[in-house]
N, C-alpha and C. Protein backbone atom coordinates (compact mmCIF):
# COMPACT_ATOMS: atom_id res chain seq x y z
N MET A 1 0.83 -1.21 0.00
CA MET A 1 -0.05 -0.07 0.06
C MET A 1 0.95 1.31 0.05
N LYS A 2 0.80 2.09 -0.99
CA LYS A 2 1.42 3.29 -1.16
C LYS A 2 0.43 4.51 -1.05
N ILE A 3 0.88 5.52 -0.32
CA ILE A 3 -0.05 6.76 -0.15
C ILE A 3 0.87 7.95 -0.91
N ALA A 4 0.11 8.68 -1.73
CA ALA A 4 0.76 9.71 -2.40
C ALA A 4 0.23 10.88 -1.70
N LEU A 5 1.14 11.90 -1.32
CA LEU A 5 0.83 13.15 -0.65
C LEU A 5 1.23 14.27 -1.68
N PHE A 6 0.27 14.95 -2.19
CA PHE A 6 0.52 16.06 -3.05
C PHE A 6 0.09 17.36 -2.35
N TYR A 7 1.19 18.28 -2.53
CA TYR A 7 0.92 19.62 -1.78
C TYR A 7 1.51 20.75 -2.60
N GLY A 8 0.98 21.93 -2.28
CA GLY A 8 1.65 23.15 -2.74
C GLY A 8 2.14 24.01 -1.62
N SER A 9 3.17 24.60 -1.74
CA SER A 9 3.83 25.41 -0.59
C SER A 9 4.65 26.55 -1.06
N THR A 10 4.13 27.65 -0.50
CA THR A 10 4.92 28.89 -0.96
C THR A 10 5.93 29.30 -0.01
N THR A 11 5.74 29.10 1.43
CA THR A 11 6.60 29.62 2.33
C THR A 11 7.17 28.20 3.16
N CYS A 12 6.99 27.17 2.66
CA CYS A 12 7.66 25.88 3.18
C CYS A 12 6.74 25.26 4.31
N TYR A 13 5.74 26.02 4.90
CA TYR A 13 5.06 25.52 6.13
C TYR A 13 4.19 24.32 5.66
N THR A 14 3.50 24.28 4.56
CA THR A 14 2.65 23.21 4.07
C THR A 14 3.74 22.06 3.75
N GLU A 15 4.89 22.28 3.16
CA GLU A 15 5.86 21.28 2.84
C GLU A 15 6.35 20.74 4.09
N MET A 16 6.64 21.52 5.04
CA MET A 16 7.01 20.88 6.49
C MET A 16 5.97 20.04 7.09
N ALA A 17 4.71 20.45 6.93
CA ALA A 17 3.56 19.60 7.46
C ALA A 17 3.63 18.36 6.75
N ALA A 18 3.63 18.38 5.34
CA ALA A 18 3.57 17.23 4.47
C ALA A 18 4.75 16.26 4.97
N GLU A 19 5.94 16.81 5.24
CA GLU A 19 7.06 15.86 5.78
C GLU A 19 6.81 15.21 7.12
N LYS A 20 6.18 15.95 7.96
CA LYS A 20 5.70 15.47 9.25
C LYS A 20 4.71 14.36 9.04
N ILE A 21 3.74 14.71 8.21
CA ILE A 21 2.62 13.68 7.93
C ILE A 21 3.34 12.27 7.39
N GLN A 22 4.34 12.56 6.40
CA GLN A 22 5.06 11.42 5.84
C GLN A 22 5.68 10.53 6.92
N VAL A 23 6.47 11.24 7.88
CA VAL A 23 7.15 10.56 8.79
C VAL A 23 6.13 9.82 9.75
N SER A 24 5.04 10.55 10.12
CA SER A 24 4.14 9.98 11.01
C SER A 24 3.43 8.72 10.51
N LEU A 25 3.06 8.77 9.23
CA LEU A 25 2.49 7.58 8.52
C LEU A 25 3.52 6.58 8.28
N GLY A 26 4.68 6.79 8.10
CA GLY A 26 5.83 5.89 7.69
C GLY A 26 6.41 6.32 6.43
N ALA A 27 7.75 6.88 6.51
CA ALA A 27 8.43 7.31 5.38
C ALA A 27 8.33 6.36 4.06
N ASP A 28 8.47 5.12 4.42
CA ASP A 28 8.35 4.04 3.44
C ASP A 28 7.00 3.91 2.76
N LEU A 29 5.99 4.45 3.39
CA LEU A 29 4.58 4.31 2.96
C LEU A 29 4.16 5.50 2.16
N VAL A 30 4.65 6.58 2.37
CA VAL A 30 4.21 7.89 1.68
C VAL A 30 5.16 8.41 0.77
N GLU A 31 4.71 8.85 -0.30
CA GLU A 31 5.61 9.44 -1.44
C GLU A 31 5.09 10.89 -1.52
N LEU A 32 6.00 11.86 -1.40
CA LEU A 32 5.69 13.34 -1.48
C LEU A 32 5.84 13.83 -2.78
N TYR A 33 4.93 14.67 -3.19
CA TYR A 33 4.89 15.36 -4.56
C TYR A 33 4.49 16.82 -4.48
N ASN A 34 5.33 17.70 -4.78
CA ASN A 34 5.01 19.13 -4.80
C ASN A 34 4.41 19.44 -6.12
N ILE A 35 3.13 19.93 -6.15
CA ILE A 35 2.41 20.17 -7.30
C ILE A 35 3.02 21.21 -8.23
N LYS A 36 3.99 21.96 -7.78
CA LYS A 36 4.77 22.91 -8.48
C LYS A 36 5.64 22.14 -9.54
N ASP A 37 6.15 20.86 -9.18
CA ASP A 37 7.06 20.04 -9.91
C ASP A 37 6.41 18.93 -10.84
N VAL A 38 5.20 18.52 -10.32
CA VAL A 38 4.66 17.34 -11.04
C VAL A 38 3.16 17.74 -11.44
N PRO A 39 2.62 17.16 -12.50
CA PRO A 39 1.26 17.34 -12.75
C PRO A 39 0.28 16.73 -11.78
N LEU A 40 -0.74 17.33 -11.53
CA LEU A 40 -1.71 16.84 -10.51
C LEU A 40 -2.28 15.57 -10.90
N SER A 41 -2.36 15.23 -12.19
CA SER A 41 -2.79 13.94 -12.75
C SER A 41 -1.91 12.77 -12.28
N ASP A 42 -0.80 13.10 -11.83
CA ASP A 42 0.10 11.91 -11.38
C ASP A 42 -0.60 11.27 -10.26
N CYS A 43 -1.52 11.81 -9.48
CA CYS A 43 -2.10 11.29 -8.38
C CYS A 43 -2.99 10.06 -8.75
N GLU A 44 -3.45 9.90 -10.03
CA GLU A 44 -4.34 9.02 -10.53
C GLU A 44 -3.75 7.57 -10.35
N GLN A 45 -2.36 7.44 -10.31
CA GLN A 45 -1.69 6.31 -10.19
C GLN A 45 -1.83 5.66 -8.83
N PHE A 46 -2.42 6.33 -7.84
CA PHE A 46 -2.37 5.93 -6.62
C PHE A 46 -3.88 5.66 -6.14
N ASP A 47 -4.00 4.69 -5.19
CA ASP A 47 -5.38 4.39 -4.68
C ASP A 47 -5.72 5.35 -3.45
N ILE A 48 -4.51 5.68 -2.80
CA ILE A 48 -4.71 6.45 -1.56
C ILE A 48 -3.93 7.70 -1.69
N ILE A 49 -4.56 8.98 -1.58
CA ILE A 49 -4.05 10.16 -1.94
C ILE A 49 -4.34 11.10 -0.70
N ILE A 50 -3.35 11.90 -0.29
CA ILE A 50 -3.50 13.05 0.52
C ILE A 50 -3.17 14.35 -0.17
N PHE A 51 -4.04 15.37 -0.05
CA PHE A 51 -3.69 16.67 -0.73
C PHE A 51 -3.51 17.74 0.51
N GLY A 52 -2.60 18.48 0.33
CA GLY A 52 -2.27 19.46 1.27
C GLY A 52 -2.20 20.97 0.59
N ILE A 53 -2.99 21.78 1.19
CA ILE A 53 -3.21 23.15 0.73
C ILE A 53 -3.09 24.28 1.79
N SER A 54 -2.78 25.48 1.54
CA SER A 54 -2.81 26.55 2.61
C SER A 54 -3.76 27.63 1.94
N THR A 55 -4.30 28.24 2.96
CA THR A 55 -5.28 29.42 2.61
C THR A 55 -4.34 30.69 2.54
N TRP A 56 -4.48 31.61 1.63
CA TRP A 56 -3.78 32.81 1.65
C TRP A 56 -4.62 33.96 1.68
N ASP A 57 -4.11 34.97 2.57
CA ASP A 57 -4.74 36.28 2.61
C ASP A 57 -6.33 36.07 2.90
N PHE A 58 -7.23 36.65 2.10
CA PHE A 58 -8.62 36.65 2.31
C PHE A 58 -9.29 35.63 1.77
N GLY A 59 -8.88 34.42 2.03
CA GLY A 59 -9.47 33.11 1.61
C GLY A 59 -9.17 32.74 0.16
N GLU A 60 -7.86 33.07 -0.22
CA GLU A 60 -7.37 32.67 -1.59
C GLU A 60 -6.59 31.55 -1.47
N LEU A 61 -6.41 30.88 -2.64
CA LEU A 61 -5.71 29.61 -2.90
C LEU A 61 -4.12 29.92 -2.93
N GLN A 62 -3.41 28.89 -2.47
CA GLN A 62 -1.92 29.02 -2.61
C GLN A 62 -1.76 29.03 -4.13
N GLU A 63 -0.63 29.62 -4.56
CA GLU A 63 -0.30 29.96 -5.92
C GLU A 63 -0.14 28.62 -6.76
N ASP A 64 0.45 27.58 -6.30
CA ASP A 64 0.72 26.45 -7.12
C ASP A 64 -0.70 25.71 -7.22
N TRP A 65 -1.65 25.70 -6.29
CA TRP A 65 -2.97 25.08 -6.44
C TRP A 65 -3.77 26.06 -7.35
N GLU A 66 -3.58 27.26 -7.29
CA GLU A 66 -4.30 28.11 -8.13
C GLU A 66 -3.96 27.77 -9.56
N SER A 67 -2.71 27.53 -9.86
CA SER A 67 -2.21 27.22 -11.19
C SER A 67 -2.78 25.95 -11.73
N SER A 68 -3.08 25.01 -10.77
CA SER A 68 -3.60 23.57 -11.13
C SER A 68 -4.96 23.42 -10.95
N TRP A 69 -5.72 24.52 -10.55
CA TRP A 69 -7.12 24.33 -10.17
C TRP A 69 -8.02 23.82 -11.12
N ASP A 70 -7.91 24.19 -12.38
CA ASP A 70 -8.87 23.64 -13.35
C ASP A 70 -8.51 22.14 -13.72
N ASP A 71 -7.46 21.65 -13.29
CA ASP A 71 -7.08 20.33 -13.60
C ASP A 71 -7.83 19.34 -12.58
N ILE A 72 -8.29 19.78 -11.43
CA ILE A 72 -8.96 19.02 -10.56
C ILE A 72 -10.20 18.36 -10.99
N SER A 73 -11.08 19.15 -11.70
CA SER A 73 -12.35 18.70 -12.29
C SER A 73 -12.12 17.51 -13.32
N SER A 74 -10.89 17.24 -13.78
CA SER A 74 -10.69 16.19 -14.75
C SER A 74 -10.00 14.92 -14.15
N LEU A 75 -9.72 15.02 -12.83
CA LEU A 75 -9.11 13.97 -12.20
C LEU A 75 -10.08 12.78 -12.11
N ARG A 76 -9.42 11.57 -12.26
CA ARG A 76 -10.21 10.37 -12.13
C ARG A 76 -9.99 9.85 -10.60
N LEU A 77 -10.92 10.27 -9.75
CA LEU A 77 -10.74 9.90 -8.35
C LEU A 77 -11.69 8.75 -7.84
N ASN A 78 -12.64 8.44 -8.73
CA ASN A 78 -13.69 7.65 -8.41
C ASN A 78 -13.23 6.26 -7.63
N GLY A 79 -13.61 6.13 -6.41
CA GLY A 79 -13.29 4.83 -5.63
C GLY A 79 -11.89 5.08 -4.87
N LYS A 80 -11.21 6.13 -5.18
CA LYS A 80 -9.99 6.31 -4.47
C LYS A 80 -10.20 6.97 -3.10
N ILE A 81 -9.24 6.62 -2.22
CA ILE A 81 -9.40 7.17 -0.88
C ILE A 81 -8.60 8.35 -0.73
N VAL A 82 -9.21 9.53 -0.27
CA VAL A 82 -8.59 10.83 -0.35
C VAL A 82 -8.74 11.46 1.05
N ALA A 83 -7.66 12.04 1.58
CA ALA A 83 -7.61 12.84 2.81
C ALA A 83 -7.02 14.15 2.49
N LEU A 84 -7.47 15.23 3.31
CA LEU A 84 -7.00 16.55 3.05
C LEU A 84 -6.46 17.07 4.22
N PHE A 85 -5.51 18.06 4.19
CA PHE A 85 -5.02 18.84 5.31
C PHE A 85 -4.83 20.23 4.79
N GLY A 86 -4.95 21.22 5.66
CA GLY A 86 -4.81 22.58 5.29
C GLY A 86 -4.10 23.43 6.38
N LEU A 87 -3.41 24.51 5.89
CA LEU A 87 -2.91 25.40 6.90
C LEU A 87 -3.50 26.75 6.72
N GLY A 88 -3.64 27.43 7.81
CA GLY A 88 -4.38 28.74 7.81
C GLY A 88 -3.91 29.49 9.12
N ASP A 89 -4.36 30.82 9.05
CA ASP A 89 -4.11 31.64 10.31
C ASP A 89 -5.51 32.10 10.89
N GLN A 90 -5.94 31.46 11.89
CA GLN A 90 -7.30 31.76 12.43
C GLN A 90 -7.39 33.15 13.13
N VAL A 91 -6.27 33.75 13.47
CA VAL A 91 -6.39 35.04 14.22
C VAL A 91 -6.29 36.21 13.16
N GLY A 92 -5.24 36.19 12.30
CA GLY A 92 -5.07 37.19 11.38
C GLY A 92 -6.09 37.12 10.13
N TYR A 93 -6.59 35.96 10.00
CA TYR A 93 -7.60 35.90 8.80
C TYR A 93 -8.73 34.96 9.29
N GLY A 94 -9.29 35.29 10.33
CA GLY A 94 -10.31 34.54 11.07
C GLY A 94 -11.60 34.34 10.29
N GLN A 95 -11.85 35.28 9.32
CA GLN A 95 -13.10 35.23 8.48
C GLN A 95 -12.94 34.23 7.32
N TRP A 96 -11.73 33.81 7.13
CA TRP A 96 -11.45 33.00 5.97
C TRP A 96 -10.58 31.80 6.35
N PHE A 97 -10.70 31.38 7.64
CA PHE A 97 -9.82 30.29 8.09
C PHE A 97 -9.99 28.91 7.38
N GLN A 98 -8.96 28.46 6.62
CA GLN A 98 -9.01 27.19 5.97
C GLN A 98 -10.07 27.22 4.82
N ASP A 99 -10.28 28.39 4.32
CA ASP A 99 -11.31 28.47 3.11
C ASP A 99 -10.70 27.58 2.03
N ALA A 100 -9.38 27.59 1.71
CA ALA A 100 -8.86 26.82 0.55
C ALA A 100 -9.11 25.33 0.77
N LEU A 101 -8.92 24.88 1.98
CA LEU A 101 -9.29 23.53 2.29
C LEU A 101 -10.71 23.08 1.89
N GLY A 102 -11.52 23.96 2.28
CA GLY A 102 -13.03 23.77 1.91
C GLY A 102 -13.19 23.78 0.42
N MET A 103 -12.47 24.74 -0.20
CA MET A 103 -12.77 24.83 -1.71
C MET A 103 -12.14 23.62 -2.42
N LEU A 104 -11.01 23.06 -1.96
CA LEU A 104 -10.43 21.86 -2.53
C LEU A 104 -11.49 20.70 -2.29
N HIS A 105 -11.88 20.54 -1.10
CA HIS A 105 -12.93 19.51 -0.68
C HIS A 105 -14.02 19.56 -1.77
N ASP A 106 -14.60 20.73 -1.90
CA ASP A 106 -15.78 20.89 -2.77
C ASP A 106 -15.36 20.53 -4.27
N GLN A 107 -14.18 20.54 -4.67
CA GLN A 107 -13.78 20.22 -5.93
C GLN A 107 -13.50 18.71 -5.99
N ILE A 108 -13.11 18.10 -4.95
CA ILE A 108 -12.89 16.69 -4.86
C ILE A 108 -14.01 15.78 -4.86
N ILE A 109 -15.03 16.20 -4.05
CA ILE A 109 -16.20 15.45 -3.72
C ILE A 109 -16.97 15.01 -5.10
N PRO A 110 -17.06 15.81 -6.04
CA PRO A 110 -17.83 15.41 -7.34
C PRO A 110 -16.99 14.32 -8.09
N GLN A 111 -15.76 14.14 -7.78
CA GLN A 111 -14.88 13.27 -8.57
C GLN A 111 -15.21 11.78 -8.04
N GLY A 112 -15.97 11.64 -6.96
CA GLY A 112 -16.22 10.26 -6.72
C GLY A 112 -15.41 9.65 -5.59
N ALA A 113 -14.50 10.36 -5.00
CA ALA A 113 -13.53 9.94 -4.10
C ALA A 113 -14.20 9.52 -2.76
N ASN A 114 -13.56 8.68 -2.00
CA ASN A 114 -14.08 8.32 -0.64
C ASN A 114 -13.09 9.20 0.25
N VAL A 115 -13.74 10.38 0.79
CA VAL A 115 -12.95 11.30 1.41
C VAL A 115 -12.99 10.94 3.14
N ILE A 116 -11.89 10.85 3.54
CA ILE A 116 -11.64 10.48 4.97
C ILE A 116 -10.92 11.68 5.60
N GLY A 117 -10.71 11.50 7.00
CA GLY A 117 -9.88 12.40 7.77
C GLY A 117 -10.50 13.65 8.21
N TYR A 118 -11.85 13.69 8.32
CA TYR A 118 -12.49 14.82 8.88
C TYR A 118 -12.05 15.02 10.25
N TRP A 119 -11.78 16.30 10.67
CA TRP A 119 -11.16 16.72 11.85
C TRP A 119 -12.02 17.66 12.81
N PRO A 120 -12.25 17.41 13.99
CA PRO A 120 -13.14 18.21 14.93
C PRO A 120 -12.56 19.71 15.06
N ASN A 121 -13.46 20.56 15.02
CA ASN A 121 -13.22 22.06 15.05
C ASN A 121 -12.91 22.49 16.46
N GLU A 122 -12.79 21.61 17.42
CA GLU A 122 -12.47 21.97 18.75
C GLU A 122 -11.12 22.57 18.96
N GLY A 123 -10.92 23.58 19.75
CA GLY A 123 -9.59 24.09 20.03
C GLY A 123 -9.12 25.22 19.13
N TYR A 124 -10.04 25.65 18.25
CA TYR A 124 -9.79 26.79 17.27
C TYR A 124 -10.63 27.97 17.65
N GLU A 125 -10.21 29.14 17.22
CA GLU A 125 -11.15 30.29 17.48
C GLU A 125 -10.96 31.17 16.17
N PHE A 126 -12.04 31.12 15.40
CA PHE A 126 -12.11 31.74 14.12
C PHE A 126 -13.54 32.27 13.83
N GLU A 127 -13.73 33.13 12.90
CA GLU A 127 -15.03 33.59 12.68
C GLU A 127 -15.81 32.85 11.71
N ALA A 128 -15.21 32.47 10.54
CA ALA A 128 -15.89 31.68 9.46
C ALA A 128 -14.94 30.81 8.85
N SER A 129 -15.52 29.82 8.18
CA SER A 129 -14.66 28.87 7.24
C SER A 129 -15.48 28.21 6.40
N LYS A 130 -14.89 27.97 5.14
CA LYS A 130 -15.48 27.17 4.09
C LYS A 130 -15.24 25.80 4.26
N ALA A 131 -14.36 25.40 5.19
CA ALA A 131 -13.83 24.10 5.39
C ALA A 131 -14.61 23.36 6.44
N LEU A 132 -15.66 23.84 6.91
CA LEU A 132 -16.52 23.11 7.97
C LEU A 132 -17.49 22.37 7.27
N THR A 133 -17.83 21.15 7.83
CA THR A 133 -18.98 20.29 7.29
C THR A 133 -20.28 21.05 7.54
N GLU A 134 -21.30 20.61 6.96
CA GLU A 134 -22.61 21.23 7.10
C GLU A 134 -23.06 21.43 8.51
N ASP A 135 -22.78 20.50 9.39
CA ASP A 135 -23.20 20.59 10.76
C ASP A 135 -22.25 21.51 11.61
N GLY A 136 -21.06 21.94 11.00
CA GLY A 136 -20.20 22.75 11.64
C GLY A 136 -19.30 22.20 12.60
N GLU A 137 -19.50 20.78 12.80
CA GLU A 137 -18.65 20.42 13.83
C GLU A 137 -17.19 19.78 13.42
N PHE A 138 -17.00 19.71 12.22
CA PHE A 138 -15.79 19.19 11.74
C PHE A 138 -15.15 20.04 10.59
N PHE A 139 -13.89 20.01 10.45
CA PHE A 139 -13.37 20.41 9.27
C PHE A 139 -13.23 19.37 8.40
N VAL A 140 -13.12 19.64 7.02
CA VAL A 140 -13.10 18.58 5.86
C VAL A 140 -11.77 17.88 5.85
N GLY A 141 -10.84 18.30 6.76
CA GLY A 141 -9.49 17.68 6.75
C GLY A 141 -8.76 18.28 7.94
N LEU A 142 -7.60 17.76 8.16
CA LEU A 142 -6.77 18.24 9.22
C LEU A 142 -6.45 19.79 9.07
N SER A 143 -6.72 20.52 10.03
CA SER A 143 -6.58 21.89 10.07
C SER A 143 -5.34 22.31 10.99
N LEU A 144 -4.39 22.98 10.47
CA LEU A 144 -3.16 23.38 11.21
C LEU A 144 -3.10 24.87 11.18
N ASP A 145 -2.66 25.39 12.16
CA ASP A 145 -2.34 26.98 12.26
C ASP A 145 -1.02 26.99 12.84
N ASP A 146 -0.03 27.07 11.96
CA ASP A 146 1.34 27.25 12.33
C ASP A 146 1.82 28.70 12.75
N GLU A 147 0.80 29.63 12.48
CA GLU A 147 0.90 31.05 12.87
C GLU A 147 0.79 31.16 14.43
N THR A 148 -0.41 30.72 14.95
CA THR A 148 -0.82 30.97 16.28
C THR A 148 -0.87 29.67 17.15
N GLN A 149 -0.88 28.57 16.57
CA GLN A 149 -0.94 27.31 17.24
C GLN A 149 0.17 26.32 16.83
N TYR A 150 1.28 26.74 16.61
CA TYR A 150 2.48 25.92 16.04
C TYR A 150 2.66 24.70 17.08
N ASN A 151 2.60 25.10 18.39
CA ASN A 151 2.90 24.09 19.36
C ASN A 151 1.87 22.88 19.46
N LEU A 152 0.74 22.96 18.76
CA LEU A 152 -0.19 21.91 18.65
C LEU A 152 -0.08 21.23 17.35
N SER A 153 0.63 21.69 16.42
CA SER A 153 0.71 20.95 15.09
C SER A 153 1.16 19.52 15.14
N GLU A 154 2.20 19.29 15.85
CA GLU A 154 2.70 17.76 15.95
C GLU A 154 1.73 16.90 16.49
N GLN A 155 1.12 17.27 17.62
CA GLN A 155 0.11 16.38 18.24
C GLN A 155 -1.08 16.21 17.30
N ARG A 156 -1.43 17.31 16.68
CA ARG A 156 -2.63 17.14 15.75
C ARG A 156 -2.30 16.22 14.62
N ILE A 157 -0.94 16.33 14.12
CA ILE A 157 -0.63 15.35 12.99
C ILE A 157 -0.61 14.04 13.40
N GLU A 158 -0.03 13.79 14.54
CA GLU A 158 -0.02 12.38 15.15
C GLU A 158 -1.34 11.84 15.17
N GLN A 159 -2.32 12.55 15.85
CA GLN A 159 -3.74 12.06 16.01
C GLN A 159 -4.27 11.79 14.65
N TRP A 160 -4.15 12.83 13.79
CA TRP A 160 -4.82 12.76 12.49
C TRP A 160 -4.26 11.52 11.60
N THR A 161 -2.96 11.26 11.61
CA THR A 161 -2.44 10.12 10.92
C THR A 161 -3.04 8.84 11.44
N GLU A 162 -3.01 8.71 12.79
CA GLU A 162 -3.67 7.49 13.28
C GLU A 162 -5.01 7.27 12.89
N GLN A 163 -5.82 8.40 12.88
CA GLN A 163 -7.28 8.39 12.40
C GLN A 163 -7.32 7.94 10.96
N VAL A 164 -6.55 8.58 10.14
CA VAL A 164 -6.46 8.21 8.72
C VAL A 164 -6.17 6.74 8.40
N LEU A 165 -5.06 6.36 9.11
CA LEU A 165 -4.72 4.88 8.97
C LEU A 165 -5.85 3.98 9.41
N ASP A 166 -6.59 4.32 10.50
CA ASP A 166 -7.75 3.46 11.00
C ASP A 166 -8.83 3.53 9.92
N GLU A 167 -9.12 4.68 9.29
CA GLU A 167 -10.32 4.82 8.26
C GLU A 167 -9.87 4.09 6.95
N ILE A 168 -8.64 4.16 6.68
CA ILE A 168 -8.08 3.41 5.48
C ILE A 168 -8.28 1.99 5.62
N SER A 169 -7.92 1.31 6.87
CA SER A 169 -8.07 0.05 7.18
C SER A 169 -9.54 -0.45 7.06
N GLU A 170 -10.43 0.39 7.61
CA GLU A 170 -11.88 0.08 7.48
C GLU A 170 -12.49 0.05 6.06
N LEU A 171 -11.82 0.89 5.27
CA LEU A 171 -12.36 0.93 3.86
C LEU A 171 -11.70 -0.26 2.95
N ILE A 172 -10.49 -0.62 3.30
CA ILE A 172 -9.93 -1.69 2.43
C ILE A 172 -10.09 -3.10 2.94
N ALA A 173 -10.79 -3.18 4.26
CA ALA A 173 -10.91 -4.49 4.77
C ALA A 173 -11.94 -5.36 4.03
């Protein structure tokens, strides 16, 4: 079982989170791909995929994701297992916290993927987010805030990766 982790990173924070996720899941299990360097369609070779994205400024996409955005709708993800994680700043941009994560989720769902890794919104303080589930209790993926809650990121990654592995096991059993 191989897991592909595709991410875009401008300031290296998303890349560092991707590397921590890789280590937590097992370096031999996860292959990292920066979407700046590889086409997004390369993810179709894998049955299990993690996408990492950060929200910029007032709810905007990270530049590499923005460049690849139109490619998402043509991805063949039907039946694949997909998990998402995002980075954002809940204090400085609390009205748009994790919006890019929510926008990516909304693009992935119509492709028929089995999305896993929903994350509780407890322990965050923000005004609004496009990344919340309809009931508002969960983010559509792991939510990290390395600006104001850096000290919680490693613990959140550890818990989330355990959750993701459990959910993968349930789906492939």
